[in-house]
Amino acid sequence: MITTGTTTIVTKPLPVSVKKIWEEKQKISLSRERRATRILGIIMGVFVACWLPFFLMYVIVPFCKSCELSRETVNFITWLGYMNSAINPLIYCGFNRDFRRAFQKIILCKNV
């Protein structure tokens, strides 16, 4: 029974088959949400791992008089950040079937 203001609606319990279908859809939805959360976590983790050294370097080095980084270290940290852009398509290909198919078409020069 559902009461809204002055109106009362009497509802019947759902048949078992409809209830099972609804529960199965809920499980599938929850599974997709978990997968999306995991993929987002991986993408964010890789982003932080690639760009955090770059930003820390440019925040700490100007204020640290004794911190002298070699040119090679600065280049490595900078290119580590740039590598994030190269790693992202690989992550997406690993976890997204549609992206994988499109990427294969591009790499193999197949007509779309």
PDB file of N, CA and C in Angstrom:
ATOM      1  N   MET A   1       0.843  -1.162   0.000  1.00  0.00           N
ATOM      2  CA  MET A   1       0.000   0.000   0.000  1.00  0.00           C
ATOM      3  C   MET A   1       0.901   1.240   0.000  1.00  0.00           C
ATOM      4  N   ILE A   2       0.594   2.188  -0.865  1.00  0.00           N
ATOM      5  CA  ILE A   2       1.341   3.438  -0.970  1.00  0.00           C
ATOM      6  C   ILE A   2       0.381   4.575  -0.672  1.00  0.00           C
ATOM      7  N   THR A   3       0.768   5.455   0.272  1.00  0.00           N
ATOM      8  CA  THR A   3      -0.069   6.597   0.614  1.00  0.00           C
ATOM      9  C   THR A   3       0.679   7.868   0.246  1.00  0.00           C
ATOM     10  N   THR A   4       0.038   8.707  -0.578  1.00  0.00           N
ATOM     11  CA  THR A   4       0.604   9.998  -0.947  1.00  0.00           C
ATOM     12  C   THR A   4      -0.433  11.056  -0.652  1.00  0.00           C
ATOM     13  N   GLY A   5      -0.217  11.830   0.414  1.00  0.00           N
ATOM     14  CA  GLY A   5      -1.183  12.863   0.778  1.00  0.00           C
ATOM     15  C   GLY A   5      -2.495  12.235   1.196  1.00  0.00           C
ATOM     16  N   THR A   6      -3.545  12.490   0.444  1.00  0.00           N
ATOM     17  CA  THR A   6      -4.873  11.953   0.772  1.00  0.00           C
ATOM     18  C   THR A   6      -5.217  10.737  -0.075  1.00  0.00           C
ATOM     19  N   THR A   7      -4.339  10.376  -1.016  1.00  0.00           N
ATOM     20  CA  THR A   7      -4.612   9.258  -1.911  1.00  0.00           C
ATOM     21  C   THR A   7      -3.873   8.011  -1.431  1.00  0.00           C
ATOM     22  N   THR A   8      -4.569   6.887  -1.406  1.00  0.00           N
ATOM     23  CA  THR A   8      -3.967   5.613  -1.035  1.00  0.00           C
ATOM     24  C   THR A   8      -4.073   4.663  -2.218  1.00  0.00           C
ATOM     25  N   ILE A   9      -2.950   4.088  -2.590  1.00  0.00           N
ATOM     26  CA  ILE A   9      -2.919   3.144  -3.705  1.00  0.00           C
ATOM     27  C   ILE A   9      -2.578   1.772  -3.133  1.00  0.00           C
ATOM     28  N   VAL A  10      -3.393   0.798  -3.447  1.00  0.00           N
ATOM     29  CA  VAL A  10      -3.154  -0.563  -2.989  1.00  0.00           C
ATOM     30  C   VAL A  10      -2.384  -1.282  -4.090  1.00  0.00           C
ATOM     31  N   THR A  11      -1.213  -1.817  -3.733  1.00  0.00           N
ATOM     32  CA  THR A  11      -0.398  -2.530  -4.709  1.00  0.00           C
ATOM     33  C   THR A  11      -0.380  -4.006  -4.383  1.00  0.00           C
ATOM     34  N   LYS A  12      -0.300  -4.806  -5.421  1.00  0.00           N
ATOM     35  CA  LYS A  12      -0.214  -6.247  -5.249  1.00  0.00           C
ATOM     36  C   LYS A  12       1.259  -6.647  -5.276  1.00  0.00           C
ATOM     37  N   PRO A  13       1.636  -7.696  -4.566  1.00  0.00           N
ATOM     38  CA  PRO A  13       3.014  -8.154  -4.646  1.00  0.00           C
ATOM     39  C   PRO A  13       3.333  -8.631  -6.067  1.00  0.00           C
ATOM     40  N   LEU A  14       4.577  -8.429  -6.466  1.00  0.00           N
ATOM     41  CA  LEU A  14       4.985  -8.831  -7.807  1.00  0.00           C
ATOM     42  C   LEU A  14       5.034 -10.352  -7.910  1.00  0.00           C
ATOM     43  N   PRO A  15       4.673 -10.891  -9.074  1.00  0.00           N
ATOM     44  CA  PRO A  15       4.827 -12.334  -9.265  1.00  0.00           C
ATOM     45  C   PRO A  15       6.306 -12.721  -9.129  1.00  0.00           C
ATOM     46  N   VAL A  16       6.529 -13.966  -8.777  1.00  0.00           N
ATOM     47  CA  VAL A  16       7.894 -14.441  -8.531  1.00  0.00           C
ATOM     48  C   VAL A  16       8.774 -14.255  -9.753  1.00  0.00           C
ATOM     49  N   SER A  17       8.276 -14.532 -10.943  1.00  0.00           N
ATOM     50  CA  SER A  17       9.095 -14.433 -12.152  1.00  0.00           C
ATOM     51  C   SER A  17       9.516 -12.991 -12.421  1.00  0.00           C
ATOM     52  N   VAL A  18       8.620 -12.051 -12.212  1.00  0.00           N
ATOM     53  CA  VAL A  18       8.947 -10.634 -12.410  1.00  0.00           C
ATOM     54  C   VAL A  18       9.964 -10.199 -11.377  1.00  0.00           C
ATOM     55  N   LYS A  19       9.805 -10.659 -10.154  1.00  0.00           N
ATOM     56  CA  LYS A  19      10.740 -10.314  -9.083  1.00  0.00           C
ATOM     57  C   LYS A  19      12.127 -10.849  -9.387  1.00  0.00           C
ATOM     58  N   LYS A  20      12.217 -12.066  -9.903  1.00  0.00           N
ATOM     59  CA  LYS A  20      13.517 -12.648 -10.245  1.00  0.00           C
ATOM     60  C   LYS A  20      14.181 -11.877 -11.375  1.00  0.00           C
ATOM     61  N   ILE A  21      13.395 -11.501 -12.368  1.00  0.00           N
ATOM     62  CA  ILE A  21      13.940 -10.717 -13.478  1.00  0.00           C
ATOM     63  C   ILE A  21      14.461  -9.382 -12.973  1.00  0.00           C
ATOM     64  N   TRP A  22      13.706  -8.735 -12.111  1.00  0.00           N
ATOM     65  CA  TRP A  22      14.125  -7.450 -11.551  1.00  0.00           C
ATOM     66  C   TRP A  22      15.410  -7.607 -10.740  1.00  0.00           C
ATOM     67  N   GLU A  23      15.508  -8.658  -9.924  1.00  0.00           N
ATOM     68  CA  GLU A  23      16.714  -8.905  -9.133  1.00  0.00           C
ATOM     69  C   GLU A  23      17.913  -9.177 -10.039  1.00  0.00           C
ATOM     70  N   GLU A  24      17.706  -9.907 -11.123  1.00  0.00           N
ATOM     71  CA  GLU A  24      18.793 -10.202 -12.058  1.00  0.00           C
ATOM     72  C   GLU A  24      19.285  -8.926 -12.729  1.00  0.00           C
ATOM     73  N   LYS A  25      18.353  -8.051 -13.098  1.00  0.00           N
ATOM     74  CA  LYS A  25      18.747  -6.770 -13.692  1.00  0.00           C
ATOM     75  C   LYS A  25      19.542  -5.931 -12.701  1.00  0.00           C
ATOM     76  N   GLN A  26      19.152  -5.974 -11.438  1.00  0.00           N
ATOM     77  CA  GLN A  26      19.871  -5.243 -10.394  1.00  0.00           C
ATOM     78  C   GLN A  26      21.287  -5.774 -10.246  1.00  0.00           C
ATOM     79  N   LYS A  27      21.457  -7.099 -10.296  1.00  0.00           N
ATOM     80  CA  LYS A  27      22.782  -7.708 -10.193  1.00  0.00           C
ATOM     81  C   LYS A  27      23.670  -7.294 -11.365  1.00  0.00           C
ATOM     82  N   ILE A  28      23.088  -7.304 -12.562  1.00  0.00           N
ATOM     83  CA  ILE A  28      23.840  -6.907 -13.748  1.00  0.00           C
ATOM     84  C   ILE A  28      24.247  -5.444 -13.645  1.00  0.00           C
ATOM     85  N   SER A  29      23.326  -4.596 -13.208  1.00  0.00           N
ATOM     86  CA  SER A  29      23.608  -3.174 -13.051  1.00  0.00           C
ATOM     87  C   SER A  29      24.717  -2.951 -12.031  1.00  0.00           C
ATOM     88  N   LEU A  30      24.648  -3.642 -10.916  1.00  0.00           N
ATOM     89  CA  LEU A  30      25.673  -3.516  -9.883  1.00  0.00           C
ATOM     90  C   LEU A  30      27.019  -4.005 -10.399  1.00  0.00           C
ATOM     91  N   SER A  31      27.021  -5.078 -11.169  1.00  0.00           N
ATOM     92  CA  SER A  31      28.256  -5.606 -11.743  1.00  0.00           C
ATOM     93  C   SER A  31      28.888  -4.591 -12.695  1.00  0.00           C
ATOM     94  N   ARG A  32      28.066  -3.952 -13.514  1.00  0.00           N
ATOM     95  CA  ARG A  32      28.582  -2.923 -14.438  1.00  0.00           C
ATOM     96  C   ARG A  32      29.139  -1.727 -13.684  1.00  0.00           C
ATOM     97  N   GLU A  33      28.462  -1.330 -12.621  1.00  0.00           N
ATOM     98  CA  GLU A  33      28.944  -0.201 -11.827  1.00  0.00           C
ATOM     99  C   GLU A  33      30.279  -0.525 -11.170  1.00  0.00           C
ATOM    100  N   ARG A  34      30.425  -1.740 -10.663  1.00  0.00           N
ATOM    101  CA  ARG A  34      31.706  -2.146 -10.059  1.00  0.00           C
ATOM    102  C   ARG A  34      32.816  -2.141 -11.096  1.00  0.00           C
ATOM    103  N   ARG A  35      32.516  -2.647 -12.274  1.00  0.00           N
ATOM    104  CA  ARG A  35      33.516  -2.685 -13.349  1.00  0.00           C
ATOM    105  C   ARG A  35      33.923  -1.258 -13.738  1.00  0.00           C
ATOM    106  N   ALA A  36      32.951  -0.384 -13.883  1.00  0.00           N
ATOM    107  CA  ALA A  36      33.249   1.007 -14.236  1.00  0.00           C
ATOM    108  C   ALA A  36      34.075   1.675 -13.144  1.00  0.00           C
ATOM    109  N   THR A  37      33.765   1.389 -11.901  1.00  0.00           N
ATOM    110  CA  THR A  37      34.528   1.957 -10.792  1.00  0.00           C
ATOM    111  C   THR A  37      35.966   1.456 -10.810  1.00  0.00           C
ATOM    112  N   ARG A  38      36.144   0.174 -11.095  1.00  0.00           N
ATOM    113  CA  ARG A  38      37.493  -0.391 -11.143  1.00  0.00           C
ATOM    114  C   ARG A  38      38.299   0.239 -12.278  1.00  0.00           C
ATOM    115  N   ILE A  39      37.676   0.369 -13.451  1.00  0.00           N
ATOM    116  CA  ILE A  39      38.365   0.971 -14.594  1.00  0.00           C
ATOM    117  C   ILE A  39      38.728   2.423 -14.299  1.00  0.00           C
ATOM    118  N   LEU A  40      37.802   3.164 -13.717  1.00  0.00           N
ATOM    119  CA  LEU A  40      38.074   4.556 -13.369  1.00  0.00           C
ATOM    120  C   LEU A  40      39.210   4.647 -12.356  1.00  0.00           C
ATOM    121  N   GLY A  41      39.240   3.734 -11.399  1.00  0.00           N
ATOM    122  CA  GLY A  41      40.324   3.698 -10.423  1.00  0.00           C
ATOM    123  C   GLY A  41      41.670   3.452 -11.079  1.00  0.00           C
ATOM    124  N   ILE A  42      41.708   2.550 -12.050  1.00  0.00           N
ATOM    125  CA  ILE A  42      42.960   2.268 -12.768  1.00  0.00           C
ATOM    126  C   ILE A  42      43.395   3.490 -13.562  1.00  0.00           C
ATOM    127  N   ILE A  43      42.460   4.103 -14.269  1.00  0.00           N
ATOM    128  CA  ILE A  43      42.791   5.292 -15.070  1.00  0.00           C
ATOM    129  C   ILE A  43      43.309   6.418 -14.179  1.00  0.00           C
ATOM    130  N   MET A  44      42.632   6.665 -13.066  1.00  0.00           N
ATOM    131  CA  MET A  44      43.068   7.724 -12.147  1.00  0.00           C
ATOM    132  C   MET A  44      44.410   7.380 -11.502  1.00  0.00           C
ATOM    133  N   GLY A  45      44.611   6.111 -11.159  1.00  0.00           N
ATOM    134  CA  GLY A  45      45.881   5.689 -10.565  1.00  0.00           C
ATOM    135  C   GLY A  45      47.047   5.900 -11.515  1.00  0.00           C
ATOM    136  N   VAL A  46      46.860   5.533 -12.772  1.00  0.00           N
ATOM    137  CA  VAL A  46      47.917   5.736 -13.773  1.00  0.00           C
ATOM    138  C   VAL A  46      48.166   7.226 -13.981  1.00  0.00           C
ATOM    139  N   PHE A  47      47.102   8.014 -14.025  1.00  0.00           N
ATOM    140  CA  PHE A  47      47.254   9.463 -14.181  1.00  0.00           C
ATOM    141  C   PHE A  47      48.086  10.051 -13.042  1.00  0.00           C
ATOM    142  N   VAL A  48      47.748   9.684 -11.822  1.00  0.00           N
ATOM    143  CA  VAL A  48      48.476  10.206 -10.657  1.00  0.00           C
ATOM    144  C   VAL A  48      49.930   9.739 -10.681  1.00  0.00           C
ATOM    145  N   ALA A  49      50.148   8.466 -11.000  1.00  0.00           N
ATOM    146  CA  ALA A  49      51.516   7.935 -11.037  1.00  0.00           C
ATOM    147  C   ALA A  49      52.357   8.637 -12.099  1.00  0.00           C
ATOM    148  N   CYS A  50      51.748   9.006 -13.207  1.00  0.00           N
ATOM    149  CA  CYS A  50      52.494   9.657 -14.292  1.00  0.00           C
ATOM    150  C   CYS A  50      52.718  11.148 -14.047  1.00  0.00           C
ATOM    151  N   TRP A  51      51.736  11.848 -13.516  1.00  0.00           N
ATOM    152  CA  TRP A  51      51.829  13.301 -13.411  1.00  0.00           C
ATOM    153  C   TRP A  51      52.254  13.832 -12.041  1.00  0.00           C
ATOM    154  N   LEU A  52      52.093  13.060 -10.990  1.00  0.00           N
ATOM    155  CA  LEU A  52      52.451  13.549  -9.660  1.00  0.00           C
ATOM    156  C   LEU A  52      53.931  13.942  -9.549  1.00  0.00           C
ATOM    157  N   PRO A  53      54.874  13.133 -10.057  1.00  0.00           N
ATOM    158  CA  PRO A  53      56.281  13.565  -9.973  1.00  0.00           C
ATOM    159  C   PRO A  53      56.533  14.900 -10.668  1.00  0.00           C
ATOM    160  N   PHE A  54      55.887  15.110 -11.804  1.00  0.00           N
ATOM    161  CA  PHE A  54      56.050  16.356 -12.556  1.00  0.00           C
ATOM    162  C   PHE A  54      55.607  17.558 -11.724  1.00  0.00           C
ATOM    163  N   PHE A  55      54.402  17.470 -11.167  1.00  0.00           N
ATOM    164  CA  PHE A  55      53.884  18.602 -10.402  1.00  0.00           C
ATOM    165  C   PHE A  55      54.637  18.800  -9.099  1.00  0.00           C
ATOM    166  N   LEU A  56      55.029  17.721  -8.454  1.00  0.00           N
ATOM    167  CA  LEU A  56      55.829  17.858  -7.231  1.00  0.00           C
ATOM    168  C   LEU A  56      57.173  18.511  -7.527  1.00  0.00           C
ATOM    169  N   MET A  57      57.779  18.130  -8.635  1.00  0.00           N
ATOM    170  CA  MET A  57      59.070  18.715  -9.016  1.00  0.00           C
ATOM    171  C   MET A  57      58.934  20.231  -9.175  1.00  0.00           C
ATOM    172  N   TYR A  58      57.912  20.679  -9.868  1.00  0.00           N
ATOM    173  CA  TYR A  58      57.765  22.110 -10.117  1.00  0.00           C
ATOM    174  C   TYR A  58      57.241  22.893  -8.912  1.00  0.00           C
ATOM    175  N   VAL A  59      56.738  22.195  -7.895  1.00  0.00           N
ATOM    176  CA  VAL A  59      56.316  22.881  -6.677  1.00  0.00           C
ATOM    177  C   VAL A  59      57.447  22.911  -5.652  1.00  0.00           C
ATOM    178  N   ILE A  60      58.223  21.843  -5.545  1.00  0.00           N
ATOM    179  CA  ILE A  60      59.250  21.739  -4.503  1.00  0.00           C
ATOM    180  C   ILE A  60      60.569  22.385  -4.904  1.00  0.00           C
ATOM    181  N   VAL A  61      61.030  22.140  -6.116  1.00  0.00           N
ATOM    182  CA  VAL A  61      62.365  22.598  -6.532  1.00  0.00           C
ATOM    183  C   VAL A  61      62.546  24.115  -6.411  1.00  0.00           C
ATOM    184  N   PRO A  62      61.596  24.959  -6.764  1.00  0.00           N
ATOM    185  CA  PRO A  62      61.832  26.404  -6.634  1.00  0.00           C
ATOM    186  C   PRO A  62      62.053  26.870  -5.183  1.00  0.00           C
ATOM    187  N   PHE A  63      61.505  26.139  -4.227  1.00  0.00           N
ATOM    188  CA  PHE A  63      61.634  26.534  -2.831  1.00  0.00           C
ATOM    189  C   PHE A  63      62.754  25.805  -2.098  1.00  0.00           C
ATOM    190  N   CYS A  64      63.350  24.818  -2.715  1.00  0.00           N
ATOM    191  CA  CYS A  64      64.414  24.035  -2.083  1.00  0.00           C
ATOM    192  C   CYS A  64      65.752  24.450  -2.685  1.00  0.00           C
ATOM    193  N   LYS A  65      66.561  25.136  -1.891  1.00  0.00           N
ATOM    194  CA  LYS A  65      67.842  25.644  -2.384  1.00  0.00           C
ATOM    195  C   LYS A  65      68.837  24.519  -2.662  1.00  0.00           C
ATOM    196  N   SER A  66      68.769  23.442  -1.899  1.00  0.00           N
ATOM    197  CA  SER A  66      69.733  22.355  -2.057  1.00  0.00           C
ATOM    198  C   SER A  66      69.265  21.287  -3.049  1.00  0.00           C
ATOM    199  N   CYS A  67      68.073  21.434  -3.601  1.00  0.00           N
ATOM    200  CA  CYS A  67      67.539  20.432  -4.542  1.00  0.00           C
ATOM    201  C   CYS A  67      67.972  20.783  -5.963  1.00  0.00           C
ATOM    202  N   GLU A  68      68.940  20.064  -6.455  1.00  0.00           N
ATOM    203  CA  GLU A  68      69.402  20.241  -7.834  1.00  0.00           C
ATOM    204  C   GLU A  68      69.137  18.946  -8.587  1.00  0.00           C
ATOM    205  N   LEU A  69      68.292  19.011  -9.584  1.00  0.00           N
ATOM    206  CA  LEU A  69      67.997  17.837 -10.389  1.00  0.00           C
ATOM    207  C   LEU A  69      68.762  17.909 -11.698  1.00  0.00           C
ATOM    208  N   SER A  70      69.284  16.773 -12.118  1.00  0.00           N
ATOM    209  CA  SER A  70      70.004  16.749 -13.388  1.00  0.00           C
ATOM    210  C   SER A  70      69.023  16.947 -14.537  1.00  0.00           C
ATOM    211  N   ARG A  71      69.546  17.326 -15.662  1.00  0.00           N
ATOM    212  CA  ARG A  71      68.715  17.552 -16.843  1.00  0.00           C
ATOM    213  C   ARG A  71      67.999  16.258 -17.259  1.00  0.00           C
ATOM    214  N   GLU A  72      68.706  15.124 -17.099  1.00  0.00           N
ATOM    215  CA  GLU A  72      68.125  13.822 -17.444  1.00  0.00           C
ATOM    216  C   GLU A  72      66.927  13.505 -16.543  1.00  0.00           C
ATOM    217  N   THR A  73      67.038  13.825 -15.250  1.00  0.00           N
ATOM    218  CA  THR A  73      65.945  13.578 -14.315  1.00  0.00           C
ATOM    219  C   THR A  73      64.734  14.430 -14.664  1.00  0.00           C
ATOM    220  N   VAL A  74      64.975  15.687 -14.956  1.00  0.00           N
ATOM    221  CA  VAL A  74      63.879  16.587 -15.333  1.00  0.00           C
ATOM    222  C   VAL A  74      63.212  16.082 -16.608  1.00  0.00           C
ATOM    223  N   ASN A  75      64.005  15.668 -17.584  1.00  0.00           N
ATOM    224  CA  ASN A  75      63.447  15.139 -18.831  1.00  0.00           C
ATOM    225  C   ASN A  75      62.647  13.862 -18.583  1.00  0.00           C
ATOM    226  N   PHE A  76      63.185  12.972 -17.738  1.00  0.00           N
ATOM    227  CA  PHE A  76      62.482  11.728 -17.440  1.00  0.00           C
ATOM    228  C   PHE A  76      61.135  12.007 -16.782  1.00  0.00           C
ATOM    229  N   ILE A  77      61.121  12.899 -15.799  1.00  0.00           N
ATOM    230  CA  ILE A  77      59.875  13.219 -15.096  1.00  0.00           C
ATOM    231  C   ILE A  77      58.871  13.860 -16.051  1.00  0.00           C
ATOM    232  N   THR A  78      59.343  14.729 -16.919  1.00  0.00           N
ATOM    233  CA  THR A  78      58.458  15.369 -17.893  1.00  0.00           C
ATOM    234  C   THR A  78      57.886  14.342 -18.863  1.00  0.00           C
ATOM    235  N   TRP A  79      58.730  13.462 -19.381  1.00  0.00           N
ATOM    236  CA  TRP A  79      58.254  12.455 -20.326  1.00  0.00           C
ATOM    237  C   TRP A  79      57.376  11.411 -19.657  1.00  0.00           C
ATOM    238  N   LEU A  80      57.576  11.183 -18.367  1.00  0.00           N
ATOM    239  CA  LEU A  80      56.689  10.279 -17.635  1.00  0.00           C
ATOM    240  C   LEU A  80      55.257  10.817 -17.666  1.00  0.00           C
ATOM    241  N   GLY A  81      55.115  12.123 -17.506  1.00  0.00           N
ATOM    242  CA  GLY A  81      53.799  12.742 -17.608  1.00  0.00           C
ATOM    243  C   GLY A  81      53.218  12.617 -19.001  1.00  0.00           C
ATOM    244  N   TYR A  82      54.059  12.822 -20.005  1.00  0.00           N
ATOM    245  CA  TYR A  82      53.589  12.694 -21.386  1.00  0.00           C
ATOM    246  C   TYR A  82      53.177  11.260 -21.705  1.00  0.00           C
ATOM    247  N   MET A  83      53.827  10.293 -21.087  1.00  0.00           N
ATOM    248  CA  MET A  83      53.527   8.886 -21.345  1.00  0.00           C
ATOM    249  C   MET A  83      52.099   8.525 -20.930  1.00  0.00           C
ATOM    250  N   ASN A  84      51.527   9.295 -20.039  1.00  0.00           N
ATOM    251  CA  ASN A  84      50.142   9.046 -19.647  1.00  0.00           C
ATOM    252  C   ASN A  84      49.221   9.059 -20.871  1.00  0.00           C
ATOM    253  N   SER A  85      49.496   9.964 -21.798  1.00  0.00           N
ATOM    254  CA  SER A  85      48.675  10.046 -23.006  1.00  0.00           C
ATOM    255  C   SER A  85      48.846   8.823 -23.894  1.00  0.00           C
ATOM    256  N   ALA A  86      50.010   8.188 -23.835  1.00  0.00           N
ATOM    257  CA  ALA A  86      50.239   6.979 -24.623  1.00  0.00           C
ATOM    258  C   ALA A  86      49.664   5.742 -23.933  1.00  0.00           C
ATOM    259  N   ILE A  87      49.602   5.770 -22.612  1.00  0.00           N
ATOM    260  CA  ILE A  87      49.112   4.623 -21.854  1.00  0.00           C
ATOM    261  C   ILE A  87      47.583   4.558 -21.856  1.00  0.00           C
ATOM    262  N   ASN A  88      46.909   5.692 -21.862  1.00  0.00           N
ATOM    263  CA  ASN A  88      45.438   5.709 -21.798  1.00  0.00           C
ATOM    264  C   ASN A  88      44.761   4.858 -22.868  1.00  0.00           C
ATOM    265  N   PRO A  89      45.141   4.962 -24.148  1.00  0.00           N
ATOM    266  CA  PRO A  89      44.476   4.105 -25.141  1.00  0.00           C
ATOM    267  C   PRO A  89      44.666   2.617 -24.854  1.00  0.00           C
ATOM    268  N   LEU A  90      45.818   2.246 -24.303  1.00  0.00           N
ATOM    269  CA  LEU A  90      46.051   0.842 -23.968  1.00  0.00           C
ATOM    270  C   LEU A  90      45.146   0.386 -22.826  1.00  0.00           C
ATOM    271  N   ILE A  91      44.947   1.255 -21.855  1.00  0.00           N
ATOM    272  CA  ILE A  91      44.043   0.929 -20.747  1.00  0.00           C
ATOM    273  C   ILE A  91      42.623   0.773 -21.275  1.00  0.00           C
ATOM    274  N   TYR A  92      42.182   1.716 -22.111  1.00  0.00           N
ATOM    275  CA  TYR A  92      40.831   1.646 -22.650  1.00  0.00           C
ATOM    276  C   TYR A  92      40.649   0.397 -23.511  1.00  0.00           C
ATOM    277  N   CYS A  93      41.657   0.042 -24.301  1.00  0.00           N
ATOM    278  CA  CYS A  93      41.574  -1.169 -25.127  1.00  0.00           C
ATOM    279  C   CYS A  93      41.470  -2.418 -24.263  1.00  0.00           C
ATOM    280  N   GLY A  94      42.127  -2.405 -23.136  1.00  0.00           N
ATOM    281  CA  GLY A  94      42.095  -3.563 -22.266  1.00  0.00           C
ATOM    282  C   GLY A  94      40.754  -3.778 -21.595  1.00  0.00           C
ATOM    283  N   PHE A  95      39.980  -2.723 -21.409  1.00  0.00           N
ATOM    284  CA  PHE A  95      38.751  -2.829 -20.631  1.00  0.00           C
ATOM    285  C   PHE A  95      37.465  -2.530 -21.389  1.00  0.00           C
ATOM    286  N   ASN A  96      37.542  -1.987 -22.583  1.00  0.00           N
ATOM    287  CA  ASN A  96      36.333  -1.604 -23.306  1.00  0.00           C
ATOM    288  C   ASN A  96      36.311  -2.278 -24.671  1.00  0.00           C
ATOM    289  N   ARG A  97      35.360  -3.156 -24.884  1.00  0.00           N
ATOM    290  CA  ARG A  97      35.271  -3.936 -26.122  1.00  0.00           C
ATOM    291  C   ARG A  97      35.064  -3.032 -27.341  1.00  0.00           C
ATOM    292  N   ASP A  98      34.192  -2.029 -27.225  1.00  0.00           N
ATOM    293  CA  ASP A  98      33.934  -1.127 -28.361  1.00  0.00           C
ATOM    294  C   ASP A  98      35.177  -0.326 -28.720  1.00  0.00           C
ATOM    295  N   PHE A  99      35.876   0.168 -27.721  1.00  0.00           N
ATOM    296  CA  PHE A  99      37.101   0.925 -27.970  1.00  0.00           C
ATOM    297  C   PHE A  99      38.143   0.020 -28.613  1.00  0.00           C
ATOM    298  N   ARG A 100      38.217  -1.240 -28.160  1.00  0.00           N
ATOM    299  CA  ARG A 100      39.178  -2.200 -28.703  1.00  0.00           C
ATOM    300  C   ARG A 100      38.921  -2.442 -30.184  1.00  0.00           C
ATOM    301  N   ARG A 101      37.654  -2.617 -30.545  1.00  0.00           N
ATOM    302  CA  ARG A 101      37.307  -2.849 -31.962  1.00  0.00           C
ATOM    303  C   ARG A 101      37.670  -1.642 -32.818  1.00  0.00           C
ATOM    304  N   ALA A 102      37.341  -0.459 -32.348  1.00  0.00           N
ATOM    305  CA  ALA A 102      37.659   0.760 -33.106  1.00  0.00           C
ATOM    306  C   ALA A 102      39.172   0.935 -33.234  1.00  0.00           C
ATOM    307  N   PHE A 103      39.886   0.659 -32.165  1.00  0.00           N
ATOM    308  CA  PHE A 103      41.346   0.793 -32.178  1.00  0.00           C
ATOM    309  C   PHE A 103      41.959  -0.202 -33.169  1.00  0.00           C
ATOM    310  N   GLN A 104      41.443  -1.427 -33.204  1.00  0.00           N
ATOM    311  CA  GLN A 104      41.939  -2.427 -34.146  1.00  0.00           C
ATOM    312  C   GLN A 104      41.682  -1.998 -35.579  1.00  0.00           C
ATOM    313  N   LYS A 105      40.531  -1.408 -35.842  1.00  0.00           N
ATOM    314  CA  LYS A 105      40.238  -0.925 -37.190  1.00  0.00           C
ATOM    315  C   LYS A 105      41.229   0.157 -37.603  1.00  0.00           C
ATOM    316  N   ILE A 106      41.553   1.037 -36.683  1.00  0.00           N
ATOM    317  CA  ILE A 106      42.508   2.114 -36.987  1.00  0.00           C
ATOM    318  C   ILE A 106      43.902   1.548 -37.216  1.00  0.00           C
ATOM    319  N   ILE A 107      44.346   0.665 -36.324  1.00  0.00           N
ATOM    320  CA  ILE A 107      45.693   0.117 -36.424  1.00  0.00           C
ATOM    321  C   ILE A 107      45.847  -0.755 -37.680  1.00  0.00           C
ATOM    322  N   LEU A 108      44.830  -1.539 -37.993  1.00  0.00           N
ATOM    323  CA  LEU A 108      44.901  -2.450 -39.141  1.00  0.00           C
ATOM    324  C   LEU A 108      44.464  -1.791 -40.439  1.00  0.00           C
ATOM    325  N   CYS A 109      44.138  -0.489 -40.392  1.00  0.00           N
ATOM    326  CA  CYS A 109      43.739   0.296 -41.561  1.00  0.00           C
ATOM    327  C   CYS A 109      42.537  -0.297 -42.287  1.00  0.00           C
ATOM    328  N   LYS A 110      41.568  -0.775 -41.504  1.00  0.00           N
ATOM    329  CA  LYS A 110      40.339  -1.291 -42.105  1.00  0.00           C
ATOM    330  C   LYS A 110      39.370  -0.130 -42.311  1.00  0.00           C
ATOM    331  N   ASN A 111      38.565  -0.219 -43.361  1.00  0.00           N
ATOM    332  CA  ASN A 111      37.557   0.808 -43.607  1.00  0.00           C
ATOM    333  C   ASN A 111      36.481   0.741 -42.554  1.00  0.00           C
ATOM    334  N   VAL A 112      36.040   1.891 -42.126  1.00  0.00           N
ATOM    335  CA  VAL A 112      35.024   1.962 -41.074  1.00  0.00           C
ATOM    336  C   VAL A 112      33.662   1.746 -41.619  1.00  0.00           C
TER     337      VAL A 112
END
